[in-house]
Amino acid sequence: MPPDDENTATVTGLAAEPVAFSLYANYPNPFNAETQIVYTLTETGPVELAIYNVRGQRVRTLVQGAQAAGRYQIAWDGRSDSGAALASGVYLYRLASEQGARVRRLALIK
């Protein structure tokens, strides 16, 4: 089971709104062969889960499209959209929906 620490954000001066999804820490992290990314959606709608390098360039799209509310677990093997093995380093994974976006860091070690 993944750690239960959720990625949360605080916006000063605005009333807190219910979070429509949660993005959990990937595990294992750092990883070599494969890591698991877990998220929970509280509403049905379009989502996108993508991996970015530290320069902000998208290297892999894992999920893109409508999903029902529920818990999801996606494996990432450290490869780009073209299938190329990516270099060791820090990458960001971003989950976006109509309700906003969350970003977390992960480390790929070869």
PDB file of N, CA and C in Angstrom:
ATOM      1  N   MET A   1       0.851  -1.175   0.000  1.00  0.00           N
ATOM      2  CA  MET A   1       0.000   0.000   0.000  1.00  0.00           C
ATOM      3  C   MET A   1       0.896   1.239   0.000  1.00  0.00           C
ATOM      4  N   PRO A   2       0.557   2.252  -0.777  1.00  0.00           N
ATOM      5  CA  PRO A   2       1.378   3.456  -0.840  1.00  0.00           C
ATOM      6  C   PRO A   2       1.236   4.287   0.420  1.00  0.00           C
ATOM      7  N   PRO A   3       2.198   5.162   0.657  1.00  0.00           N
ATOM      8  CA  PRO A   3       2.052   6.088   1.786  1.00  0.00           C
ATOM      9  C   PRO A   3       0.797   6.928   1.602  1.00  0.00           C
ATOM     10  N   ASP A   4       0.204   7.357   2.710  1.00  0.00           N
ATOM     11  CA  ASP A   4      -1.050   8.096   2.637  1.00  0.00           C
ATOM     12  C   ASP A   4      -0.865   9.600   2.620  1.00  0.00           C
ATOM     13  N   ASP A   5       0.383  10.072   2.480  1.00  0.00           N
ATOM     14  CA  ASP A   5       0.570  11.520   2.454  1.00  0.00           C
ATOM     15  C   ASP A   5       0.144  12.070   1.103  1.00  0.00           C
ATOM     16  N   GLU A   6      -0.849  12.938   1.117  1.00  0.00           N
ATOM     17  CA  GLU A   6      -1.396  13.503  -0.106  1.00  0.00           C
ATOM     18  C   GLU A   6      -0.674  14.786  -0.457  1.00  0.00           C
ATOM     19  N   ASN A   7      -0.609  15.060  -1.741  1.00  0.00           N
ATOM     20  CA  ASN A   7      -0.058  16.330  -2.190  1.00  0.00           C
ATOM     21  C   ASN A   7      -1.140  17.374  -1.983  1.00  0.00           C
ATOM     22  N   THR A   8      -0.875  18.352  -1.130  1.00  0.00           N
ATOM     23  CA  THR A   8      -1.882  19.361  -0.842  1.00  0.00           C
ATOM     24  C   THR A   8      -1.310  20.741  -1.088  1.00  0.00           C
ATOM     25  N   ALA A   9      -2.161  21.670  -1.323  1.00  0.00           N
ATOM     26  CA  ALA A   9      -1.728  23.047  -1.552  1.00  0.00           C
ATOM     27  C   ALA A   9      -2.627  23.977  -0.760  1.00  0.00           C
ATOM     28  N   THR A  10      -2.065  25.084  -0.309  1.00  0.00           N
ATOM     29  CA  THR A  10      -2.828  26.100   0.403  1.00  0.00           C
ATOM     30  C   THR A  10      -2.754  27.382  -0.391  1.00  0.00           C
ATOM     31  N   VAL A  11      -3.888  27.998  -0.644  1.00  0.00           N
ATOM     32  CA  VAL A  11      -3.942  29.257  -1.367  1.00  0.00           C
ATOM     33  C   VAL A  11      -4.363  30.325  -0.369  1.00  0.00           C
ATOM     34  N   THR A  12      -3.508  31.300  -0.157  1.00  0.00           N
ATOM     35  CA  THR A  12      -3.782  32.358   0.811  1.00  0.00           C
ATOM     36  C   THR A  12      -4.887  33.277   0.302  1.00  0.00           C
ATOM     37  N   GLY A  13      -5.824  33.586   1.176  1.00  0.00           N
ATOM     38  CA  GLY A  13      -6.863  34.543   0.847  1.00  0.00           C
ATOM     39  C   GLY A  13      -8.091  33.946   0.189  1.00  0.00           C
ATOM     40  N   LEU A  14      -8.097  32.671  -0.077  1.00  0.00           N
ATOM     41  CA  LEU A  14      -9.254  32.034  -0.696  1.00  0.00           C
ATOM     42  C   LEU A  14      -9.807  30.973   0.240  1.00  0.00           C
ATOM     43  N   ALA A  15     -11.106  30.788   0.208  1.00  0.00           N
ATOM     44  CA  ALA A  15     -11.716  29.735   1.007  1.00  0.00           C
ATOM     45  C   ALA A  15     -11.313  28.382   0.444  1.00  0.00           C
ATOM     46  N   ALA A  16     -11.080  27.431   1.304  1.00  0.00           N
ATOM     47  CA  ALA A  16     -10.693  26.091   0.864  1.00  0.00           C
ATOM     48  C   ALA A  16     -11.873  25.435   0.154  1.00  0.00           C
ATOM     49  N   GLU A  17     -11.583  24.823  -0.962  1.00  0.00           N
ATOM     50  CA  GLU A  17     -12.604  24.104  -1.721  1.00  0.00           C
ATOM     51  C   GLU A  17     -12.317  22.621  -1.622  1.00  0.00           C
ATOM     52  N   PRO A  18     -13.324  21.759  -1.731  1.00  0.00           N
ATOM     53  CA  PRO A  18     -13.081  20.332  -1.668  1.00  0.00           C
ATOM     54  C   PRO A  18     -12.152  19.903  -2.802  1.00  0.00           C
ATOM     55  N   VAL A  19     -11.230  19.025  -2.495  1.00  0.00           N
ATOM     56  CA  VAL A  19     -10.296  18.515  -3.499  1.00  0.00           C
ATOM     57  C   VAL A  19     -10.987  17.379  -4.252  1.00  0.00           C
ATOM     58  N   ALA A  20     -10.989  17.473  -5.576  1.00  0.00           N
ATOM     59  CA  ALA A  20     -11.689  16.490  -6.393  1.00  0.00           C
ATOM     60  C   ALA A  20     -10.837  15.264  -6.683  1.00  0.00           C
ATOM     61  N   PHE A  21      -9.565  15.293  -6.270  1.00  0.00           N
ATOM     62  CA  PHE A  21      -8.714  14.130  -6.466  1.00  0.00           C
ATOM     63  C   PHE A  21      -7.517  14.193  -5.539  1.00  0.00           C
ATOM     64  N   SER A  22      -6.877  13.052  -5.360  1.00  0.00           N
ATOM     65  CA  SER A  22      -5.667  12.957  -4.544  1.00  0.00           C
ATOM     66  C   SER A  22      -4.588  12.284  -5.366  1.00  0.00           C
ATOM     67  N   LEU A  23      -3.365  12.754  -5.238  1.00  0.00           N
ATOM     68  CA  LEU A  23      -2.210  12.162  -5.905  1.00  0.00           C
ATOM     69  C   LEU A  23      -1.233  11.755  -4.817  1.00  0.00           C
ATOM     70  N   TYR A  24      -0.957  10.480  -4.731  1.00  0.00           N
ATOM     71  CA  TYR A  24      -0.119   9.938  -3.671  1.00  0.00           C
ATOM     72  C   TYR A  24       1.337   9.823  -4.119  1.00  0.00           C
ATOM     73  N   ALA A  25       2.226   9.683  -3.134  1.00  0.00           N
ATOM     74  CA  ALA A  25       3.645   9.479  -3.427  1.00  0.00           C
ATOM     75  C   ALA A  25       3.820   8.149  -4.166  1.00  0.00           C
ATOM     76  N   ASN A  26       4.641   8.173  -5.213  1.00  0.00           N
ATOM     77  CA  ASN A  26       4.894   6.931  -5.946  1.00  0.00           C
ATOM     78  C   ASN A  26       5.717   5.983  -5.068  1.00  0.00           C
ATOM     79  N   TYR A  27       5.667   4.713  -5.390  1.00  0.00           N
ATOM     80  CA  TYR A  27       6.455   3.729  -4.652  1.00  0.00           C
ATOM     81  C   TYR A  27       6.874   2.605  -5.578  1.00  0.00           C
ATOM     82  N   PRO A  28       8.069   2.096  -5.481  1.00  0.00           N
ATOM     83  CA  PRO A  28       9.123   2.657  -4.640  1.00  0.00           C
ATOM     84  C   PRO A  28       9.645   3.968  -5.219  1.00  0.00           C
ATOM     85  N   ASN A  29      10.286   4.737  -4.376  1.00  0.00           N
ATOM     86  CA  ASN A  29      10.902   5.996  -4.795  1.00  0.00           C
ATOM     87  C   ASN A  29      12.129   6.232  -3.924  1.00  0.00           C
ATOM     88  N   PRO A  30      13.310   6.221  -4.486  1.00  0.00           N
ATOM     89  CA  PRO A  30      13.644   6.115  -5.906  1.00  0.00           C
ATOM     90  C   PRO A  30      13.367   4.706  -6.432  1.00  0.00           C
ATOM     91  N   PHE A  31      13.336   4.603  -7.776  1.00  0.00           N
ATOM     92  CA  PHE A  31      13.058   3.304  -8.385  1.00  0.00           C
ATOM     93  C   PHE A  31      14.045   3.025  -9.501  1.00  0.00           C
ATOM     94  N   ASN A  32      14.090   1.749  -9.903  1.00  0.00           N
ATOM     95  CA  ASN A  32      14.975   1.335 -10.981  1.00  0.00           C
ATOM     96  C   ASN A  32      14.165   0.807 -12.151  1.00  0.00           C
ATOM     97  N   ALA A  33      13.490  -0.283 -11.965  1.00  0.00           N
ATOM     98  CA  ALA A  33      12.782  -0.919 -13.079  1.00  0.00           C
ATOM     99  C   ALA A  33      11.363  -0.382 -13.274  1.00  0.00           C
ATOM    100  N   GLU A  34      10.654  -0.130 -12.178  1.00  0.00           N
ATOM    101  CA  GLU A  34       9.259   0.274 -12.290  1.00  0.00           C
ATOM    102  C   GLU A  34       8.807   0.923 -10.995  1.00  0.00           C
ATOM    103  N   THR A  35       7.917   1.893 -11.116  1.00  0.00           N
ATOM    104  CA  THR A  35       7.309   2.526  -9.952  1.00  0.00           C
ATOM    105  C   THR A  35       5.799   2.575 -10.152  1.00  0.00           C
ATOM    106  N   GLN A  36       5.081   2.647  -9.062  1.00  0.00           N
ATOM    107  CA  GLN A  36       3.620   2.698  -9.081  1.00  0.00           C
ATOM    108  C   GLN A  36       3.159   4.095  -8.686  1.00  0.00           C
ATOM    109  N   ILE A  37       2.243   4.643  -9.465  1.00  0.00           N
ATOM    110  CA  ILE A  37       1.649   5.948  -9.178  1.00  0.00           C
ATOM    111  C   ILE A  37       0.174   5.711  -8.877  1.00  0.00           C
ATOM    112  N   VAL A  38      -0.258   6.175  -7.719  1.00  0.00           N
ATOM    113  CA  VAL A  38      -1.634   5.942  -7.271  1.00  0.00           C
ATOM    114  C   VAL A  38      -2.336   7.282  -7.109  1.00  0.00           C
ATOM    115  N   TYR A  39      -3.570   7.342  -7.576  1.00  0.00           N
ATOM    116  CA  TYR A  39      -4.387   8.540  -7.397  1.00  0.00           C
ATOM    117  C   TYR A  39      -5.833   8.148  -7.227  1.00  0.00           C
ATOM    118  N   THR A  40      -6.590   9.050  -6.615  1.00  0.00           N
ATOM    119  CA  THR A  40      -8.009   8.839  -6.374  1.00  0.00           C
ATOM    120  C   THR A  40      -8.785  10.012  -6.947  1.00  0.00           C
ATOM    121  N   LEU A  41      -9.820   9.698  -7.697  1.00  0.00           N
ATOM    122  CA  LEU A  41     -10.713  10.718  -8.247  1.00  0.00           C
ATOM    123  C   LEU A  41     -12.030  10.666  -7.496  1.00  0.00           C
ATOM    124  N   THR A  42     -12.526  11.808  -7.075  1.00  0.00           N
ATOM    125  CA  THR A  42     -13.820  11.841  -6.402  1.00  0.00           C
ATOM    126  C   THR A  42     -14.949  12.199  -7.363  1.00  0.00           C
ATOM    127  N   GLU A  43     -14.569  12.622  -8.574  1.00  0.00           N
ATOM    128  CA  GLU A  43     -15.559  12.963  -9.602  1.00  0.00           C
ATOM    129  C   GLU A  43     -15.148  12.349 -10.938  1.00  0.00           C
ATOM    130  N   THR A  44     -16.123  12.001 -11.739  1.00  0.00           N
ATOM    131  CA  THR A  44     -15.863  11.515 -13.087  1.00  0.00           C
ATOM    132  C   THR A  44     -15.531  12.694 -13.988  1.00  0.00           C
ATOM    133  N   GLY A  45     -14.563  12.495 -14.875  1.00  0.00           N
ATOM    134  CA  GLY A  45     -14.212  13.566 -15.801  1.00  0.00           C
ATOM    135  C   GLY A  45     -12.888  13.299 -16.480  1.00  0.00           C
ATOM    136  N   PRO A  46     -12.492  14.225 -17.348  1.00  0.00           N
ATOM    137  CA  PRO A  46     -11.226  14.053 -18.063  1.00  0.00           C
ATOM    138  C   PRO A  46     -10.036  14.261 -17.130  1.00  0.00           C
ATOM    139  N   VAL A  47      -9.030  13.408 -17.276  1.00  0.00           N
ATOM    140  CA  VAL A  47      -7.800  13.523 -16.495  1.00  0.00           C
ATOM    141  C   VAL A  47      -6.604  13.290 -17.394  1.00  0.00           C
ATOM    142  N   GLU A  48      -5.476  13.800 -16.943  1.00  0.00           N
ATOM    143  CA  GLU A  48      -4.221  13.543 -17.637  1.00  0.00           C
ATOM    144  C   GLU A  48      -3.150  13.311 -16.581  1.00  0.00           C
ATOM    145  N   LEU A  49      -2.427  12.206 -16.723  1.00  0.00           N
ATOM    146  CA  LEU A  49      -1.292  11.899 -15.871  1.00  0.00           C
ATOM    147  C   LEU A  49      -0.076  11.824 -16.778  1.00  0.00           C
ATOM    148  N   ALA A  50       0.896  12.702 -16.532  1.00  0.00           N
ATOM    149  CA  ALA A  50       2.061  12.773 -17.406  1.00  0.00           C
ATOM    150  C   ALA A  50       3.333  12.902 -16.580  1.00  0.00           C
ATOM    151  N   ILE A  51       4.443  12.480 -17.188  1.00  0.00           N
ATOM    152  CA  ILE A  51       5.771  12.562 -16.583  1.00  0.00           C
ATOM    153  C   ILE A  51       6.542  13.664 -17.302  1.00  0.00           C
ATOM    154  N   TYR A  52       7.243  14.494 -16.536  1.00  0.00           N
ATOM    155  CA  TYR A  52       8.034  15.600 -17.086  1.00  0.00           C
ATOM    156  C   TYR A  52       9.459  15.513 -16.566  1.00  0.00           C
ATOM    157  N   ASN A  53      10.415  15.973 -17.380  1.00  0.00           N
ATOM    158  CA  ASN A  53      11.774  16.095 -16.876  1.00  0.00           C
ATOM    159  C   ASN A  53      11.879  17.409 -16.103  1.00  0.00           C
ATOM    160  N   VAL A  54      13.030  17.676 -15.492  1.00  0.00           N
ATOM    161  CA  VAL A  54      13.157  18.877 -14.661  1.00  0.00           C
ATOM    162  C   VAL A  54      13.152  20.168 -15.477  1.00  0.00           C
ATOM    163  N   ARG A  55      13.286  20.064 -16.784  1.00  0.00           N
ATOM    164  CA  ARG A  55      13.175  21.241 -17.649  1.00  0.00           C
ATOM    165  C   ARG A  55      11.731  21.556 -18.000  1.00  0.00           C
ATOM    166  N   GLY A  56      10.818  20.704 -17.550  1.00  0.00           N
ATOM    167  CA  GLY A  56       9.404  20.913 -17.826  1.00  0.00           C
ATOM    168  C   GLY A  56       8.936  20.317 -19.139  1.00  0.00           C
ATOM    169  N   GLN A  57       9.774  19.507 -19.775  1.00  0.00           N
ATOM    170  CA  GLN A  57       9.397  18.864 -21.037  1.00  0.00           C
ATOM    171  C   GLN A  57       8.662  17.562 -20.735  1.00  0.00           C
ATOM    172  N   ARG A  58       7.522  17.374 -21.373  1.00  0.00           N
ATOM    173  CA  ARG A  58       6.767  16.140 -21.188  1.00  0.00           C
ATOM    174  C   ARG A  58       7.541  14.990 -21.844  1.00  0.00           C
ATOM    175  N   VAL A  59       7.762  13.918 -21.078  1.00  0.00           N
ATOM    176  CA  VAL A  59       8.478  12.771 -21.630  1.00  0.00           C
ATOM    177  C   VAL A  59       7.578  11.545 -21.785  1.00  0.00           C
ATOM    178  N   ARG A  60       6.472  11.512 -21.025  1.00  0.00           N
ATOM    179  CA  ARG A  60       5.574  10.369 -21.125  1.00  0.00           C
ATOM    180  C   ARG A  60       4.179  10.753 -20.681  1.00  0.00           C
ATOM    181  N   THR A  61       3.184  10.356 -21.441  1.00  0.00           N
ATOM    182  CA  THR A  61       1.788  10.514 -21.035  1.00  0.00           C
ATOM    183  C   THR A  61       1.283   9.133 -20.645  1.00  0.00           C
ATOM    184  N   LEU A  62       0.900   8.978 -19.403  1.00  0.00           N
ATOM    185  CA  LEU A  62       0.440   7.683 -18.902  1.00  0.00           C
ATOM    186  C   LEU A  62      -1.074   7.523 -19.016  1.00  0.00           C
ATOM    187  N   VAL A  63      -1.807   8.594 -18.795  1.00  0.00           N
ATOM    188  CA  VAL A  63      -3.267   8.560 -18.856  1.00  0.00           C
ATOM    189  C   VAL A  63      -3.735   9.851 -19.510  1.00  0.00           C
ATOM    190  N   GLN A  64      -4.675   9.728 -20.439  1.00  0.00           N
ATOM    191  CA  GLN A  64      -5.281  10.916 -21.040  1.00  0.00           C
ATOM    192  C   GLN A  64      -6.674  10.546 -21.504  1.00  0.00           C
ATOM    193  N   GLY A  65      -7.682  11.105 -20.825  1.00  0.00           N
ATOM    194  CA  GLY A  65      -9.063  10.811 -21.190  1.00  0.00           C
ATOM    195  C   GLY A  65      -9.959  10.814 -19.971  1.00  0.00           C
ATOM    196  N   ALA A  66     -11.219  10.500 -20.201  1.00  0.00           N
ATOM    197  CA  ALA A  66     -12.203  10.494 -19.121  1.00  0.00           C
ATOM    198  C   ALA A  66     -12.040   9.245 -18.264  1.00  0.00           C
ATOM    199  N   GLN A  67     -12.186   9.439 -16.949  1.00  0.00           N
ATOM    200  CA  GLN A  67     -12.160   8.329 -16.006  1.00  0.00           C
ATOM    201  C   GLN A  67     -13.263   8.518 -14.984  1.00  0.00           C
ATOM    202  N   ALA A  68     -13.809   7.412 -14.529  1.00  0.00           N
ATOM    203  CA  ALA A  68     -14.833   7.434 -13.492  1.00  0.00           C
ATOM    204  C   ALA A  68     -14.181   7.686 -12.142  1.00  0.00           C
ATOM    205  N   ALA A  69     -14.974   8.150 -11.203  1.00  0.00           N
ATOM    206  CA  ALA A  69     -14.483   8.325  -9.841  1.00  0.00           C
ATOM    207  C   ALA A  69     -13.983   6.978  -9.329  1.00  0.00           C
ATOM    208  N   GLY A  70     -12.898   7.005  -8.565  1.00  0.00           N
ATOM    209  CA  GLY A  70     -12.342   5.768  -8.020  1.00  0.00           C
ATOM    210  C   GLY A  70     -10.849   5.883  -7.790  1.00  0.00           C
ATOM    211  N   ARG A  71     -10.245   4.778  -7.389  1.00  0.00           N
ATOM    212  CA  ARG A  71      -8.806   4.711  -7.100  1.00  0.00           C
ATOM    213  C   ARG A  71      -8.115   4.027  -8.273  1.00  0.00           C
ATOM    214  N   TYR A  72      -7.002   4.601  -8.709  1.00  0.00           N
ATOM    215  CA  TYR A  72      -6.250   4.083  -9.850  1.00  0.00           C
ATOM    216  C   TYR A  72      -4.791   3.884  -9.472  1.00  0.00           C
ATOM    217  N   GLN A  73      -4.184   2.860 -10.058  1.00  0.00           N
ATOM    218  CA  GLN A  73      -2.767   2.582  -9.861  1.00  0.00           C
ATOM    219  C   GLN A  73      -2.155   2.343 -11.236  1.00  0.00           C
ATOM    220  N   ILE A  74      -1.151   3.155 -11.583  1.00  0.00           N
ATOM    221  CA  ILE A  74      -0.511   3.100 -12.891  1.00  0.00           C
ATOM    222  C   ILE A  74       0.972   2.802 -12.699  1.00  0.00           C
ATOM    223  N   ALA A  75       1.497   1.869 -13.472  1.00  0.00           N
ATOM    224  CA  ALA A  75       2.923   1.554 -13.427  1.00  0.00           C
ATOM    225  C   ALA A  75       3.658   2.378 -14.478  1.00  0.00           C
ATOM    226  N   TRP A  76       4.849   2.856 -14.116  1.00  0.00           N
ATOM    227  CA  TRP A  76       5.715   3.532 -15.083  1.00  0.00           C
ATOM    228  C   TRP A  76       7.067   2.857 -15.051  1.00  0.00           C
ATOM    229  N   ASP A  77       7.575   2.520 -16.241  1.00  0.00           N
ATOM    230  CA  ASP A  77       8.812   1.759 -16.382  1.00  0.00           C
ATOM    231  C   ASP A  77      10.042   2.605 -16.696  1.00  0.00           C
ATOM    232  N   GLY A  78       9.946   3.920 -16.557  1.00  0.00           N
ATOM    233  CA  GLY A  78      11.092   4.776 -16.805  1.00  0.00           C
ATOM    234  C   GLY A  78      11.377   5.014 -18.275  1.00  0.00           C
ATOM    235  N   ARG A  79      10.372   4.797 -19.123  1.00  0.00           N
ATOM    236  CA  ARG A  79      10.546   4.995 -20.563  1.00  0.00           C
ATOM    237  C   ARG A  79       9.722   6.183 -21.051  1.00  0.00           C
ATOM    238  N   SER A  80      10.171   6.747 -22.159  1.00  0.00           N
ATOM    239  CA  SER A  80       9.474   7.869 -22.781  1.00  0.00           C
ATOM    240  C   SER A  80       8.309   7.357 -23.619  1.00  0.00           C
ATOM    241  N   ASP A  81       7.547   8.285 -24.195  1.00  0.00           N
ATOM    242  CA  ASP A  81       6.452   7.897 -25.091  1.00  0.00           C
ATOM    243  C   ASP A  81       6.950   7.096 -26.286  1.00  0.00           C
ATOM    244  N   SER A  82       8.178   7.358 -26.719  1.00  0.00           N
ATOM    245  CA  SER A  82       8.729   6.635 -27.878  1.00  0.00           C
ATOM    246  C   SER A  82       9.310   5.281 -27.496  1.00  0.00           C
ATOM    247  N   GLY A  83       9.339   4.970 -26.192  1.00  0.00           N
ATOM    248  CA  GLY A  83       9.861   3.689 -25.735  1.00  0.00           C
ATOM    249  C   GLY A  83      11.326   3.722 -25.334  1.00  0.00           C
ATOM    250  N   ALA A  84      11.954   4.876 -25.440  1.00  0.00           N
ATOM    251  CA  ALA A  84      13.365   4.999 -25.070  1.00  0.00           C
ATOM    252  C   ALA A  84      13.519   5.018 -23.547  1.00  0.00           C
ATOM    253  N   ALA A  85      14.542   4.317 -23.050  1.00  0.00           N
ATOM    254  CA  ALA A  85      14.842   4.338 -21.626  1.00  0.00           C
ATOM    255  C   ALA A  85      15.378   5.719 -21.262  1.00  0.00           C
ATOM    256  N   LEU A  86      14.828   6.318 -20.225  1.00  0.00           N
ATOM    257  CA  LEU A  86      15.257   7.644 -19.799  1.00  0.00           C
ATOM    258  C   LEU A  86      16.455   7.549 -18.858  1.00  0.00           C
ATOM    259  N   ALA A  87      17.222   8.619 -18.807  1.00  0.00           N
ATOM    260  CA  ALA A  87      18.411   8.680 -17.959  1.00  0.00           C
ATOM    261  C   ALA A  87      18.025   8.763 -16.491  1.00  0.00           C
ATOM    262  N   SER A  88      18.944   8.368 -15.632  1.00  0.00           N
ATOM    263  CA  SER A  88      18.755   8.535 -14.193  1.00  0.00           C
ATOM    264  C   SER A  88      18.545  10.018 -13.901  1.00  0.00           C
ATOM    265  N   GLY A  89      17.715  10.302 -12.912  1.00  0.00           N
ATOM    266  CA  GLY A  89      17.495  11.682 -12.536  1.00  0.00           C
ATOM    267  C   GLY A  89      16.160  11.876 -11.857  1.00  0.00           C
ATOM    268  N   VAL A  90      15.851  13.129 -11.608  1.00  0.00           N
ATOM    269  CA  VAL A  90      14.593  13.502 -10.976  1.00  0.00           C
ATOM    270  C   VAL A  90      13.593  13.844 -12.069  1.00  0.00           C
ATOM    271  N   TYR A  91      12.388  13.343 -11.928  1.00  0.00           N
ATOM    272  CA  TYR A  91      11.295  13.616 -12.853  1.00  0.00           C
ATOM    273  C   TYR A  91      10.091  14.064 -12.030  1.00  0.00           C
ATOM    274  N   LEU A  92       9.149  14.707 -12.680  1.00  0.00           N
ATOM    275  CA  LEU A  92       7.920  15.156 -12.044  1.00  0.00           C
ATOM    276  C   LEU A  92       6.755  14.413 -12.665  1.00  0.00           C
ATOM    277  N   TYR A  93       5.791  14.041 -11.854  1.00  0.00           N
ATOM    278  CA  TYR A  93       4.547  13.499 -12.412  1.00  0.00           C
ATOM    279  C   TYR A  93       3.416  14.413 -12.002  1.00  0.00           C
ATOM    280  N   ARG A  94       2.539  14.684 -12.978  1.00  0.00           N
ATOM    281  CA  ARG A  94       1.476  15.680 -12.813  1.00  0.00           C
ATOM    282  C   ARG A  94       0.136  15.065 -13.175  1.00  0.00           C
ATOM    283  N   LEU A  95      -0.803  15.185 -12.256  1.00  0.00           N
ATOM    284  CA  LEU A  95      -2.173  14.751 -12.488  1.00  0.00           C
ATOM    285  C   LEU A  95      -3.022  16.000 -12.624  1.00  0.00           C
ATOM    286  N   ALA A  96      -3.716  16.138 -13.743  1.00  0.00           N
ATOM    287  CA  ALA A  96      -4.548  17.312 -13.998  1.00  0.00           C
ATOM    288  C   ALA A  96      -5.969  16.886 -14.335  1.00  0.00           C
ATOM    289  N   SER A  97      -6.917  17.659 -13.860  1.00  0.00           N
ATOM    290  CA  SER A  97      -8.329  17.452 -14.184  1.00  0.00           C
ATOM    291  C   SER A  97      -8.973  18.819 -14.303  1.00  0.00           C
ATOM    292  N   GLU A  98     -10.263  18.840 -14.534  1.00  0.00           N
ATOM    293  CA  GLU A  98     -10.981  20.110 -14.606  1.00  0.00           C
ATOM    294  C   GLU A  98     -10.953  20.841 -13.267  1.00  0.00           C
ATOM    295  N   GLN A  99     -10.682  20.120 -12.188  1.00  0.00           N
ATOM    296  CA  GLN A  99     -10.667  20.716 -10.859  1.00  0.00           C
ATOM    297  C   GLN A  99      -9.291  21.248 -10.455  1.00  0.00           C
ATOM    298  N   GLY A 100      -8.275  21.069 -11.275  1.00  0.00           N
ATOM    299  CA  GLY A 100      -6.942  21.559 -10.932  1.00  0.00           C
ATOM    300  C   GLY A 100      -5.868  20.544 -11.265  1.00  0.00           C
ATOM    301  N   ALA A 101      -4.706  20.737 -10.653  1.00  0.00           N
ATOM    302  CA  ALA A 101      -3.575  19.847 -10.934  1.00  0.00           C
ATOM    303  C   ALA A 101      -2.748  19.663  -9.666  1.00  0.00           C
ATOM    304  N   ARG A 102      -2.072  18.531  -9.587  1.00  0.00           N
ATOM    305  CA  ARG A 102      -1.148  18.213  -8.500  1.00  0.00           C
ATOM    306  C   ARG A 102       0.138  17.686  -9.134  1.00  0.00           C
ATOM    307  N   VAL A 103       1.269  18.012  -8.511  1.00  0.00           N
ATOM    308  CA  VAL A 103       2.571  17.576  -9.016  1.00  0.00           C
ATOM    309  C   VAL A 103       3.375  16.958  -7.881  1.00  0.00           C
ATOM    310  N   ARG A 104       4.108  15.884  -8.195  1.00  0.00           N
ATOM    311  CA  ARG A 104       5.010  15.236  -7.239  1.00  0.00           C
ATOM    312  C   ARG A 104       6.304  14.901  -7.947  1.00  0.00           C
ATOM    313  N   ARG A 105       7.333  14.661  -7.147  1.00  0.00           N
ATOM    314  CA  ARG A 105       8.649  14.307  -7.671  1.00  0.00           C
ATOM    315  C   ARG A 105       8.916  12.818  -7.523  1.00  0.00           C
ATOM    316  N   LEU A 106       9.709  12.286  -8.437  1.00  0.00           N
ATOM    317  CA  LEU A 106      10.192  10.914  -8.311  1.00  0.00           C
ATOM    318  C   LEU A 106      11.618  10.852  -8.820  1.00  0.00           C
ATOM    319  N   ALA A 107      12.345   9.815  -8.420  1.00  0.00           N
ATOM    320  CA  ALA A 107      13.740   9.661  -8.827  1.00  0.00           C
ATOM    321  C   ALA A 107      13.928   8.317  -9.512  1.00  0.00           C
ATOM    322  N   LEU A 108      14.529   8.368 -10.695  1.00  0.00           N
ATOM    323  CA  LEU A 108      14.852   7.175 -11.465  1.00  0.00           C
ATOM    324  C   LEU A 108      16.352   6.938 -11.307  1.00  0.00           C
ATOM    325  N   ILE A 109      16.725   5.763 -10.826  1.00  0.00           N
ATOM    326  CA  ILE A 109      18.125   5.428 -10.625  1.00  0.00           C
ATOM    327  C   ILE A 109      18.435   4.155 -11.391  1.00  0.00           C
ATOM    328  N   LYS A 110      19.471   4.232 -12.215  1.00  0.00           N
ATOM    329  CA  LYS A 110      19.853   3.056 -13.010  1.00  0.00           C
ATOM    330  C   LYS A 110      21.126   2.456 -12.500  1.00  0.00           C
TER     331      LYS A 110
END
